[in-house]
Amino acid sequence: AAIMRIGLREMRVFSKL
């Protein structure tokens, strides 16, 4: 479930943008 963890991290970065 590494993809799920990376997805959550990317989602947070996108929210900052």
Protein backbone atom coordinates (compact mmCIF):
# COMPACT_ATOMS: atom_id res chain seq x y z
CA ALA A 1 0.00 0.00 0.00
CA ALA A 2 2.87 2.33 -0.82
CA ILE A 3 0.95 3.95 -3.67
CA MET A 4 -1.84 4.94 -1.27
CA ARG A 5 0.69 6.65 1.03
CA ILE A 6 2.31 8.52 -1.86
CA GLY A 7 -1.14 9.56 -3.12
CA LEU A 8 -2.04 11.08 0.25
CA ARG A 9 1.25 12.99 0.31
CA GLU A 10 0.75 14.31 -3.23
CA MET A 11 -2.82 15.29 -2.40
CA ARG A 12 -1.55 17.45 0.47
CA VAL A 13 1.02 19.11 -1.81
CA PHE A 14 -1.68 19.87 -4.39
CA SER A 15 -3.83 21.43 -1.66
CA LYS A 16 -0.96 23.83 -0.84
CA LEU A 17 -0.85 24.90 -4.49
